[in-house]
Every structure is written in structure tokens, then in C-alpha cells.
Amino acid sequence: MTERFTDNGDGTITDIQTGLMWQETYAYPETGNYINWYDANDYVNALNDKKLGGYSDWRLPDRLEIQSLYEIGKPFRSRGKTFILHIDPFFEFSYGSCFWTSRTRLSAALGFEFDRGDMHWYPQGSISGSVRAVRESFDPKVLVDPAWPRLQENG
């Protein structure tokens, strides 16, 4: 079985399935705190200024992109403890289960929670989440197993 993720050795990870490139770490370990949606955007802008991995087109993920990292069969283990945060251990994860997305509505922004796999609207100014930056784009259809329609027909 082919590994889904590749460590690029420059602070970035490539998702072979989607073609997206992700920041290996995320804001919480660097800041020590949750941040609001505005600070999340500032954090991503700082990554662009630093040219993380040699790139300056980092951004907040959209809802489908961040959901693509959710893996229900993989509780996260760290420091001898098991956390119910469903993300591949390939990614650095220390604390914080809610991640900001680029999706906004009025004064709210959508956050994705890796502990439960659900999304909630939070005030953009609330200190409720963290951010893992992404670059590139993908077709959401790659997340659907191509064998699924055939399995349904034969079921």
C-alpha cells in the first residue's frame, strides 16, 4: 500500500491523494494559544513572507480541504497518550482540535474540529481555533473511492 503523505523535508507535507501541500506544523505549537480567524490570516501571511518550503501562496484551507485530513480510523497518539483527534500521525499535532477555514458568513468563520469531525460557525474574533496552512488546489472527486459506484450496483 502506498503512503498517502510525503514529508518534503522543508516543513511541508504533500498529500498524494489530493495533490495539496500542507504546512507540517500548525499555529498552536508556535503561538502556545488558540487564535482568532483574523490572527489565523496574519499567521498565514507571515508564512508567505518567510516563503515556507520556498512558496508564498499559502492560505487558509476551505472546508473540503481540511476535511480531507480527517481520518476516523486514526486516533492521534502523542507522548504515550491517545487523543481522539482523527488526523494521520504523519502531521505534527500537540494540542487544539479546532482549525479555521477560509469560509466566512457575515461576522462568522467556519471551524473544523478533528475530535468529532464536525464544523461550527464561530465569531471571527473569538479565540477558538488554530490554523494549518495549505497550498495548491484539488478536485473533491478524488476523495470518493472510484470503486464505490460499482460496489453499490453489485450490492
Protein backbone atom coordinates (compact mmCIF):
# COMPACT_ATOMS: atom_id res chain seq x y z
CA MET A 1 0.00 0.00 0.00
CA THR A 2 1.34 3.41 -0.98
CA GLU A 3 1.74 6.02 1.73
CA ARG A 4 -0.72 8.86 1.31
CA PHE A 5 1.64 11.59 2.58
CA THR A 6 5.17 12.62 1.68
CA ASP A 7 7.40 14.64 4.00
CA ASN A 8 9.10 17.15 1.71
CA GLY A 9 11.83 17.84 4.29
CA ASP A 10 11.21 21.59 4.26
CA GLY A 11 8.38 22.00 6.77
CA THR A 12 5.75 20.85 4.28
CA ILE A 13 3.84 17.64 3.59
CA THR A 14 2.31 16.65 0.25
CA ASP A 15 -0.93 14.69 0.16
CA ILE A 16 -0.51 12.26 -2.73
CA GLN A 17 -4.26 11.58 -2.87
CA THR A 18 -5.39 15.20 -3.24
CA GLY A 19 -2.26 16.94 -4.53
CA LEU A 20 -2.49 19.50 -1.73
CA MET A 21 0.62 20.66 0.09
CA TRP A 22 0.20 21.26 3.83
CA GLN A 23 2.21 23.01 6.47
CA GLU A 24 3.77 20.26 8.60
CA THR A 25 3.27 22.05 11.90
CA TYR A 26 0.46 24.45 12.78
CA ALA A 27 -0.13 27.67 14.70
CA TYR A 28 -0.83 26.31 18.19
CA PRO A 29 2.65 24.87 18.93
CA GLU A 30 4.22 28.07 17.62
CA THR A 31 1.97 30.53 19.46
CA GLY A 32 1.06 28.44 22.51
CA ASN A 33 -2.54 29.58 22.20
CA TYR A 34 -5.68 29.33 20.16
CA ILE A 35 -6.04 32.27 17.80
CA ASN A 36 -8.93 34.08 16.20
CA TRP A 37 -9.71 33.98 12.47
CA TYR A 38 -8.05 37.35 11.82
CA ASP A 39 -4.83 36.23 13.52
CA ALA A 40 -5.01 32.99 11.54
CA ASN A 41 -4.89 35.03 8.34
CA ASP A 42 -1.97 37.08 9.70
CA TYR A 43 -0.19 33.83 10.59
CA VAL A 44 -0.59 32.56 7.02
CA ASN A 45 0.62 35.89 5.63
CA ALA A 46 3.74 35.55 7.80
CA LEU A 47 4.34 32.06 6.33
CA ASN A 48 4.14 33.64 2.88
CA ASP A 49 6.62 36.35 3.90
CA LYS A 50 9.00 33.61 5.14
CA LYS A 51 8.34 31.55 1.99
CA LEU A 52 7.69 28.30 3.83
CA GLY A 53 9.05 25.48 1.67
CA GLY A 54 10.05 28.08 -0.93
CA TYR A 55 6.43 29.12 -1.62
CA SER A 56 4.49 32.30 -1.00
CA ASP A 57 0.96 31.19 -1.89
CA TRP A 58 -0.09 29.65 1.44
CA ARG A 59 -3.69 30.19 2.53
CA LEU A 60 -6.39 29.03 4.92
CA PRO A 61 -7.94 25.76 3.71
CA ASP A 62 -11.52 25.58 2.56
CA ARG A 63 -13.90 23.22 4.32
CA LEU A 64 -13.41 20.25 2.00
CA GLU A 65 -9.63 20.59 2.08
CA ILE A 66 -9.41 20.48 5.89
CA GLN A 67 -11.99 17.67 5.98
CA SER A 68 -9.78 15.66 3.62
CA LEU A 69 -7.29 15.25 6.50
CA TYR A 70 -9.90 13.77 8.84
CA GLU A 71 -9.38 10.04 9.30
CA ILE A 72 -11.82 8.39 11.65
CA GLY A 73 -9.72 5.23 11.94
CA LYS A 74 -6.65 7.08 13.22
CA PRO A 75 -6.83 8.42 16.75
CA PHE A 76 -3.74 10.51 17.39
CA ARG A 77 -1.09 9.23 19.81
CA SER A 78 1.44 11.56 21.41
CA ARG A 79 3.64 11.39 24.49
CA GLY A 80 2.28 7.97 25.46
CA LYS A 81 -1.35 9.11 25.42
CA THR A 82 -4.11 8.55 22.88
CA PHE A 83 -6.08 11.59 21.85
CA ILE A 84 -9.28 11.35 19.93
CA LEU A 85 -8.09 13.66 17.17
CA HIS A 86 -8.57 11.92 13.88
CA ILE A 87 -5.61 13.00 11.80
CA ASP A 88 -2.77 10.97 10.38
CA PRO A 89 0.20 10.87 12.80
CA PHE A 90 2.31 12.00 9.84
CA PHE A 91 1.28 15.53 10.88
CA GLU A 92 2.60 17.30 13.94
CA PHE A 93 -0.17 17.62 16.49
CA SER A 94 0.15 18.67 20.09
CA TYR A 95 -3.00 20.42 21.24
CA GLY A 96 -6.06 22.07 19.82
CA SER A 97 -8.68 20.29 17.79
CA CYS A 98 -10.43 23.18 16.01
CA PHE A 99 -8.95 24.61 12.81
CA TRP A 100 -10.06 27.72 10.96
CA THR A 101 -11.18 27.52 7.33
CA SER A 102 -11.38 30.25 4.71
CA ARG A 103 -15.18 30.06 4.74
CA THR A 104 -16.94 33.08 6.25
CA ARG A 105 -20.50 34.27 6.63
CA LEU A 106 -21.26 37.75 7.95
CA SER A 107 -19.05 38.04 11.06
CA ALA A 108 -18.50 34.29 11.49
CA ALA A 109 -15.91 31.84 10.17
CA LEU A 110 -16.18 28.10 9.82
CA GLY A 111 -14.01 25.92 12.05
CA PHE A 112 -13.40 22.19 11.63
CA GLU A 113 -12.95 20.02 14.73
CA PHE A 114 -10.69 16.98 14.46
CA ASP A 115 -12.00 15.42 17.66
CA ARG A 116 -15.56 14.98 16.37
CA GLY A 117 -15.24 15.61 12.66
CA ASP A 118 -17.84 18.35 12.62
CA MET A 119 -17.92 22.01 11.70
CA HIS A 120 -19.20 25.02 13.57
CA TRP A 121 -19.53 28.72 12.89
CA TYR A 122 -17.55 30.85 15.35
CA PRO A 123 -17.31 34.64 15.60
CA GLN A 124 -14.25 35.66 13.59
CA GLY A 125 -12.88 37.47 16.63
CA SER A 126 -13.23 34.51 19.00
CA ILE A 127 -10.06 32.83 20.14
CA SER A 128 -11.37 29.38 19.21
CA GLY A 129 -9.01 27.69 16.78
CA SER A 130 -5.68 27.16 15.16
CA VAL A 131 -4.55 27.02 11.55
CA ARG A 132 -2.66 24.61 9.32
CA ALA A 133 -1.88 26.37 6.04
CA VAL A 134 -2.36 24.77 2.63
CA ARG A 135 -1.41 25.49 -0.96
CA GLU A 136 -2.39 24.14 -4.37
CA SER A 137 -5.93 23.11 -5.25
CA PHE A 138 -7.74 19.83 -5.81
CA ASP A 139 -10.86 18.28 -7.23
CA PRO A 140 -13.05 16.99 -4.36
CA LYS A 141 -13.98 13.99 -6.51
CA VAL A 142 -10.59 12.45 -5.67
CA LEU A 143 -11.92 11.81 -2.16
CA VAL A 144 -14.55 9.43 -3.49
CA ASP A 145 -13.39 5.85 -3.95
CA PRO A 146 -13.81 5.10 -7.69
CA ALA A 147 -14.98 1.56 -6.80
CA TRP A 148 -17.91 2.90 -4.77
CA PRO A 149 -20.50 3.14 -7.62
CA ARG A 150 -19.63 -0.41 -8.75
CA LEU A 151 -19.99 -1.71 -5.20
CA GLN A 152 -23.42 -0.11 -4.94
CA GLU A 153 -24.51 -1.63 -8.26
CA ASN A 154 -23.40 -5.10 -7.14
CA GLY A 155 -24.82 -4.72 -3.62
